[in-house]
């Protein structure tokens, strides 16, 4: 028995050392905001002073405003395909939440759902927008829910895409998402040794693994997207902000009875982070909500299958398009 325990201990020690060596070998310094702004901002980018922070905001189109809120570890770039199709009919407003993308860290560590909700309202106030539509994915869906719960009079409609939301006690045994990479990273971040390593040692393969979990169709993962996620997390201050966010979770509440606006819930049937059962529960919690499930899609369907999802959202907003609008032109050829 002692020999078996020694063998197990040695294996554990070797594996631990291998992990540490991999992390040390993946040491990468921070990237300055100036370099990243040059690469990832565009002509629609603005930096608005909101609650003392310079928030990276992208605004496209004209018409009724739609706020697009990204999820954890992501950035406003996750909405690029949607912005292209929505902006001919609406004004789209996306932002990098504090601790993400080009916005960078918040000295006050305002990384909770309530903090983010207040920030988006702050952006709306800066832009002098009283009413607007809101769409959010994952953590961004939680932010959208909080906004609608706190100020339903300002929300024209709500679109929740594989959204996170507070678990209720009645089904607590089935509320937790299945195991995923983020939950593992969260546990590591709570360990002082690993959290210090993660501040400087960030393996790029983690971001590919992350995308492999949130996408159902692995062939749709683009290398430039992996690189973008990898580089934006290394924006000065973002890694520390991520650790702060993961280790200081703030609770929040949603009053579902206040959600009287039209609500569309979208869910990827193959979501490995927040299972479809949670989406069904969310639909049951919001009277009158419509649930649309997309086959062969994971946790970020607006990024994995943008054509199908934006078409559904446009229809929900009252824009009826020819089904062939999104299709590539078909040519007849008689060349043998």
Protein backbone atom coordinates (compact mmCIF):
# COMPACT_ATOMS: atom_id res chain seq x y z
CA UNK A 1 0.00 0.00 0.00
CA UNK A 2 2.83 2.40 0.85
CA UNK A 3 4.46 1.68 -2.52
CA UNK A 4 1.22 2.51 -4.33
CA UNK A 5 0.89 5.79 -2.41
CA UNK A 6 4.49 6.68 -3.25
CA UNK A 7 3.87 5.99 -6.94
CA UNK A 8 0.71 8.12 -6.90
CA UNK A 9 2.57 10.92 -5.13
CA UNK A 10 5.41 10.81 -7.65
CA UNK A 11 2.99 10.90 -10.57
CA UNK A 12 1.19 13.86 -9.01
CA UNK A 13 4.50 15.63 -8.40
CA UNK A 14 5.65 15.04 -11.99
CA UNK A 15 2.35 16.31 -13.41
CA UNK A 16 2.49 19.39 -11.18
CA UNK A 17 6.05 20.12 -12.29
CA UNK A 18 5.06 19.68 -15.93
CA UNK A 19 2.22 22.19 -15.53
CA UNK A 20 4.57 24.67 -13.87
CA UNK A 21 7.16 24.21 -16.62
CA UNK A 22 4.54 24.75 -19.31
CA UNK A 23 3.41 27.94 -17.60
CA UNK A 24 6.96 29.20 -17.20
CA UNK A 25 7.68 28.34 -20.83
CA UNK A 26 4.65 30.37 -21.85
CA UNK A 27 5.74 33.57 -20.13
CA UNK A 28 4.44 36.55 -22.06
CA UNK A 29 4.64 40.21 -21.13
CA UNK A 30 1.70 42.60 -21.27
CA UNK A 31 0.86 44.37 -24.52
CA UNK A 32 0.51 48.15 -24.44
CA UNK A 33 -2.97 49.61 -25.14
CA UNK A 34 -1.55 51.72 -27.98
CA UNK A 35 -0.43 48.65 -29.93
CA UNK A 36 -3.77 46.88 -29.42
CA UNK A 37 -5.84 49.97 -30.29
CA UNK A 38 -3.93 50.27 -33.55
CA UNK A 39 -4.72 46.63 -34.36
CA UNK A 40 -8.23 46.08 -33.00
CA UNK A 41 -10.01 49.45 -33.07
CA UNK A 42 -11.59 50.72 -36.29
CA UNK A 43 -13.39 53.74 -37.71
CA UNK A 44 -16.48 52.95 -35.64
CA UNK A 45 -14.54 52.83 -32.35
CA UNK A 46 -14.84 55.47 -29.65
CA UNK A 47 -13.56 55.82 -26.10
CA UNK A 48 -16.22 57.23 -23.79
CA UNK A 49 -15.52 58.43 -20.27
CA UNK A 50 -18.02 56.50 -18.13
CA UNK A 51 -17.80 56.25 -14.36
CA UNK A 52 -14.19 57.39 -14.55
CA UNK A 53 -13.21 54.74 -17.12
CA UNK A 54 -12.28 55.09 -20.79
CA UNK A 55 -14.64 52.52 -22.24
CA UNK A 56 -14.09 51.19 -25.75
CA UNK A 57 -17.40 51.49 -27.59
CA UNK A 58 -18.28 50.70 -31.19
CA UNK A 59 -21.27 52.42 -32.82
CA UNK A 60 -22.67 51.55 -36.24
CA UNK A 61 -25.80 52.47 -38.19
CA UNK A 62 -28.81 54.63 -37.39
CA UNK A 63 -32.28 54.03 -35.99
CA UNK A 64 -33.49 52.46 -32.77
CA UNK A 65 -30.45 51.61 -30.61
CA UNK A 66 -29.44 48.05 -29.74
CA UNK A 67 -26.86 47.40 -27.03
CA UNK A 68 -24.83 44.23 -27.66
CA UNK A 69 -23.12 42.87 -24.52
CA UNK A 70 -20.37 40.23 -24.75
CA UNK A 71 -19.61 37.39 -22.37
CA UNK A 72 -16.77 36.48 -20.03
CA UNK A 73 -13.24 36.44 -21.57
CA UNK A 74 -14.67 37.96 -24.74
CA UNK A 75 -14.83 41.43 -26.32
CA UNK A 76 -17.12 43.50 -28.52
CA UNK A 77 -15.61 41.76 -31.56
CA UNK A 78 -17.86 38.78 -30.90
CA UNK A 79 -20.71 40.84 -32.45
CA UNK A 80 -19.00 41.81 -35.72
CA UNK A 81 -21.15 39.62 -37.97
CA UNK A 82 -24.35 40.75 -36.24
CA UNK A 83 -23.38 44.42 -36.44
CA UNK A 84 -22.94 44.11 -40.19
CA UNK A 85 -26.51 42.82 -40.66
CA UNK A 86 -28.23 44.87 -37.94
CA UNK A 87 -26.71 48.28 -38.69
CA UNK A 88 -28.71 48.90 -41.93
CA UNK A 89 -31.86 48.95 -39.76
CA UNK A 90 -30.69 49.89 -36.25
CA UNK A 91 -27.96 51.71 -34.38
CA UNK A 92 -25.76 48.99 -32.85
CA UNK A 93 -23.72 49.82 -29.75
CA UNK A 94 -21.20 47.30 -28.45
CA UNK A 95 -18.59 47.79 -25.75
CA UNK A 96 -15.60 46.14 -24.10
CA UNK A 97 -16.66 45.65 -20.49
CA UNK A 98 -14.05 46.63 -17.86
CA UNK A 99 -11.37 43.95 -17.59
CA UNK A 100 -11.94 42.97 -21.22
CA UNK A 101 -10.72 44.06 -24.63
CA UNK A 102 -9.40 47.56 -25.16
CA UNK A 103 -11.18 49.06 -22.14
CA UNK A 104 -8.75 47.52 -19.68
CA UNK A 105 -9.01 47.21 -15.89
CA UNK A 106 -11.17 49.12 -13.43
CA UNK A 107 -9.16 50.44 -10.45
CA UNK A 108 -12.31 50.08 -8.36
CA UNK A 109 -12.69 46.42 -9.40
CA UNK A 110 -16.25 46.92 -10.62
CA UNK A 111 -16.50 43.54 -12.31
CA UNK A 112 -19.86 42.34 -11.02
CA UNK A 113 -23.06 41.97 -13.05
CA UNK A 114 -24.57 44.97 -11.26
CA UNK A 115 -21.42 47.01 -11.97
CA UNK A 116 -21.55 46.16 -15.66
CA UNK A 117 -25.29 46.92 -15.80
CA UNK A 118 -24.69 50.38 -14.34
CA UNK A 119 -21.86 50.93 -16.82
CA UNK A 120 -24.03 50.15 -19.86
CA UNK A 121 -26.70 52.52 -18.56
CA UNK A 122 -23.90 55.07 -18.17
CA UNK A 123 -23.01 54.63 -21.85
CA UNK A 124 -26.68 55.10 -22.78
CA UNK A 125 -26.81 58.29 -20.74
CA UNK A 126 -23.64 59.58 -22.39
CA UNK A 127 -25.27 58.99 -25.76
CA UNK A 128 -28.54 60.56 -24.57
CA UNK A 129 -30.52 57.37 -25.18
CA UNK A 130 -33.61 56.89 -23.02
CA UNK A 131 -34.91 53.64 -24.51
CA UNK A 132 -33.16 50.84 -26.36
CA UNK A 133 -33.05 47.14 -27.18
CA UNK A 134 -30.55 44.94 -25.35
CA UNK A 135 -28.94 41.66 -26.41
CA UNK A 136 -26.38 39.77 -24.35
CA UNK A 137 -24.48 36.49 -24.50
CA UNK A 138 -23.47 34.39 -21.49
CA UNK A 139 -22.29 36.81 -18.76
CA UNK A 140 -23.53 39.60 -21.04
CA UNK A 141 -26.95 37.98 -20.92
CA UNK A 142 -26.83 38.26 -17.14
CA UNK A 143 -26.00 41.95 -17.54
CA UNK A 144 -28.92 42.41 -19.95
CA UNK A 145 -31.26 40.65 -17.50
CA UNK A 146 -30.11 42.89 -14.65
CA UNK A 147 -30.67 45.99 -16.77
CA UNK A 148 -34.19 44.88 -17.66
CA UNK A 149 -34.95 43.99 -14.05
CA UNK A 150 -33.68 47.30 -12.63
CA UNK A 151 -35.06 49.67 -15.29
CA UNK A 152 -37.66 47.86 -17.40
CA UNK A 153 -39.09 51.21 -18.54
CA UNK A 154 -35.93 51.82 -20.59
CA UNK A 155 -35.72 48.41 -22.30
CA UNK A 156 -37.65 48.07 -25.57
CA UNK A 157 -36.87 44.37 -25.96
CA UNK A 158 -34.54 41.76 -24.49
CA UNK A 159 -32.51 39.10 -26.33
CA UNK A 160 -30.79 36.53 -24.10
CA UNK A 161 -28.27 34.27 -25.84
CA UNK A 162 -27.08 31.30 -23.77
CA UNK A 163 -27.36 33.69 -20.84
CA UNK A 164 -26.12 33.22 -17.32
CA UNK A 165 -28.57 34.05 -14.55
CA UNK A 166 -28.90 33.41 -10.79
CA UNK A 167 -29.89 29.89 -9.83
CA UNK A 168 -33.13 29.41 -7.95
CA UNK A 169 -33.36 27.17 -4.92
CA UNK A 170 -36.21 25.06 -6.22
CA UNK A 171 -33.97 23.19 -8.71
CA UNK A 172 -30.59 23.82 -7.15
CA UNK A 173 -29.41 20.32 -7.99
CA UNK A 174 -29.67 20.96 -11.74
CA UNK A 175 -28.60 24.57 -11.84
CA UNK A 176 -24.85 24.25 -12.13
CA UNK A 177 -23.37 24.22 -15.62
CA UNK A 178 -21.38 21.17 -16.65
CA UNK A 179 -17.65 21.27 -16.00
CA UNK A 180 -15.73 23.55 -18.31
CA UNK A 181 -12.41 25.25 -18.73
CA UNK A 182 -13.53 28.47 -17.02
CA UNK A 183 -14.51 26.68 -13.81
CA UNK A 184 -11.06 25.04 -13.79
CA UNK A 185 -9.32 28.38 -14.35
CA UNK A 186 -11.45 29.92 -11.59
CA UNK A 187 -10.23 27.30 -9.14
CA UNK A 188 -6.62 27.87 -10.20
CA UNK A 189 -7.06 31.64 -9.87
CA UNK A 190 -8.02 31.18 -6.23
CA UNK A 191 -4.64 29.57 -5.55
CA UNK A 192 -2.04 32.30 -4.83
CA UNK A 193 0.77 30.37 -6.55
CA UNK A 194 -1.12 29.72 -9.77
CA UNK A 195 -2.77 33.15 -9.81
CA UNK A 196 0.69 34.77 -9.76
CA UNK A 197 1.80 32.48 -12.57
CA UNK A 198 -1.29 33.29 -14.63
CA UNK A 199 -0.43 36.98 -14.43
CA UNK A 200 2.63 36.44 -16.59
CA UNK A 201 2.36 32.92 -17.98
CA UNK A 202 -0.60 32.65 -20.32
CA UNK A 203 -0.43 29.72 -22.75
CA UNK A 204 -2.10 30.43 -26.08
CA UNK A 205 -3.41 26.87 -26.29
CA UNK A 206 -5.79 27.68 -23.41
CA UNK A 207 -7.66 30.07 -25.70
CA UNK A 208 -7.92 27.50 -28.45
CA UNK A 209 -9.24 24.99 -25.89
CA UNK A 210 -11.69 27.64 -24.74
CA UNK A 211 -13.01 28.16 -28.26
CA UNK A 212 -13.19 24.42 -28.84
CA UNK A 213 -15.53 24.23 -25.85
CA UNK A 214 -17.82 27.11 -26.83
CA UNK A 215 -18.04 26.13 -30.52
CA UNK A 216 -19.83 22.95 -31.59
CA UNK A 217 -18.34 22.96 -35.10
CA UNK A 218 -14.57 23.03 -34.62
CA UNK A 219 -14.04 23.82 -38.31
CA UNK A 220 -15.54 27.28 -37.72
CA UNK A 221 -12.81 28.33 -35.28
CA UNK A 222 -10.61 30.93 -36.95
CA UNK A 223 -6.96 31.31 -36.02
CA UNK A 224 -7.26 35.10 -36.08
CA UNK A 225 -10.02 34.85 -33.46
CA UNK A 226 -7.82 32.72 -31.20
CA UNK A 227 -5.02 35.27 -31.61
CA UNK A 228 -7.36 38.15 -30.83
CA UNK A 229 -8.59 36.54 -27.60
CA UNK A 230 -4.99 35.76 -26.66
CA UNK A 231 -3.68 39.26 -27.32
CA UNK A 232 -6.56 41.16 -25.72
CA UNK A 233 -6.22 39.24 -22.44
CA UNK A 234 -2.62 40.47 -22.41
CA UNK A 235 -3.67 44.11 -22.64
CA UNK A 236 -2.01 45.86 -19.70
CA UNK A 237 -4.03 45.10 -16.58
CA UNK A 238 -6.48 42.63 -18.11
CA UNK A 239 -4.94 39.51 -16.62
CA UNK A 240 -5.05 40.95 -13.11
CA UNK A 241 -8.59 42.14 -13.77
CA UNK A 242 -9.57 38.62 -14.85
CA UNK A 243 -8.20 37.12 -11.63
CA UNK A 244 -9.96 39.79 -9.59
CA UNK A 245 -13.21 39.13 -11.41
CA UNK A 246 -13.04 35.37 -11.02
CA UNK A 247 -12.09 35.43 -7.34
CA UNK A 248 -14.47 38.15 -6.13
CA UNK A 249 -17.83 37.04 -7.46
CA UNK A 250 -20.65 39.44 -6.54
CA UNK A 251 -24.20 38.17 -6.12
CA UNK A 252 -27.13 39.85 -7.83
CA UNK A 253 -30.86 39.33 -8.09
CA UNK A 254 -33.35 39.41 -10.95
CA UNK A 255 -37.01 40.29 -10.49
CA UNK A 256 -38.52 38.24 -13.30
CA UNK A 257 -41.96 39.75 -12.70
CA UNK A 258 -40.68 43.10 -13.99
CA UNK A 259 -39.73 41.69 -17.40
CA UNK A 260 -42.81 42.83 -19.29
CA UNK A 261 -40.98 43.74 -22.51
CA UNK A 262 -40.77 41.32 -25.48
CA UNK A 263 -38.14 38.66 -24.70
CA UNK A 264 -36.35 36.35 -27.14
CA UNK A 265 -34.17 33.58 -25.68
CA UNK A 266 -31.66 31.93 -28.02
CA UNK A 267 -29.75 28.79 -27.09
CA UNK A 268 -27.22 26.52 -28.76
CA UNK A 269 -28.46 22.96 -28.38
CA UNK A 270 -24.90 21.72 -27.86
CA UNK A 271 -23.89 24.35 -25.26
CA UNK A 272 -21.34 22.71 -22.95
CA UNK A 273 -21.03 25.69 -20.60
CA UNK A 274 -24.66 26.48 -19.83
CA UNK A 275 -26.81 23.50 -20.83
CA UNK A 276 -30.06 23.88 -22.73
CA UNK A 277 -32.01 22.89 -19.61
CA UNK A 278 -31.05 26.24 -18.15
CA UNK A 279 -32.42 27.98 -21.21
CA UNK A 280 -35.72 26.14 -20.82
CA UNK A 281 -35.86 27.14 -17.18
CA UNK A 282 -35.19 30.77 -18.10
CA UNK A 283 -38.03 30.67 -20.63
CA UNK A 284 -40.33 29.28 -17.94
CA UNK A 285 -39.30 32.04 -15.52
CA UNK A 286 -40.16 34.85 -17.97
CA UNK A 287 -43.84 34.90 -18.92
CA UNK A 288 -44.36 35.26 -22.66
CA UNK A 289 -40.68 34.70 -23.54
CA UNK A 290 -39.95 32.96 -26.83
CA UNK A 291 -37.26 30.26 -26.81
CA UNK A 292 -35.42 29.48 -30.04
CA UNK A 293 -33.02 26.51 -29.98
CA UNK A 294 -30.33 26.20 -32.66
CA UNK A 295 -29.14 22.73 -33.59
CA UNK A 296 -25.43 22.06 -34.05
CA UNK A 297 -24.43 25.22 -32.16
CA UNK A 298 -22.61 25.77 -28.90
CA UNK A 299 -22.32 28.54 -26.33
CA UNK A 300 -21.79 31.46 -28.74
CA UNK A 301 -24.30 30.85 -31.57
CA UNK A 302 -24.21 34.50 -32.70
CA UNK A 303 -20.54 33.92 -33.53
CA UNK A 304 -20.70 30.30 -34.69
CA UNK A 305 -23.84 30.57 -36.83
CA UNK A 306 -24.31 34.36 -37.27
CA UNK A 307 -26.55 34.11 -40.35
CA UNK A 308 -29.20 31.91 -38.74
CA UNK A 309 -29.18 33.74 -35.42
CA UNK A 310 -29.25 37.32 -36.73
CA UNK A 311 -32.05 36.38 -39.12
CA UNK A 312 -34.08 35.15 -36.13
CA UNK A 313 -33.29 38.30 -34.16
CA UNK A 314 -34.24 40.60 -37.05
CA UNK A 315 -37.53 38.77 -37.40
CA UNK A 316 -38.12 39.21 -33.66
CA UNK A 317 -37.51 42.95 -34.10
CA UNK A 318 -40.02 43.13 -36.93
CA UNK A 319 -37.63 43.09 -39.90
CA UNK A 320 -38.77 40.46 -42.38
CA UNK A 321 -36.13 39.52 -44.93
CA UNK A 322 -36.11 37.26 -47.94
CA UNK A 323 -34.65 33.93 -46.84
CA UNK A 324 -32.24 34.17 -49.78
CA UNK A 325 -30.93 37.54 -48.58
CA UNK A 326 -28.14 35.91 -46.62
CA UNK A 327 -27.38 33.23 -49.19
CA UNK A 328 -24.55 33.37 -51.67
CA UNK A 329 -25.73 33.95 -55.25
CA UNK A 330 -26.36 30.79 -57.23
CA UNK A 331 -25.04 30.66 -60.78
CA UNK A 332 -26.17 28.24 -63.48
CA UNK A 333 -23.39 26.94 -65.67
CA UNK A 334 -23.65 24.83 -68.78
CA UNK A 335 -19.92 24.30 -68.98
CA UNK A 336 -19.32 20.53 -68.89
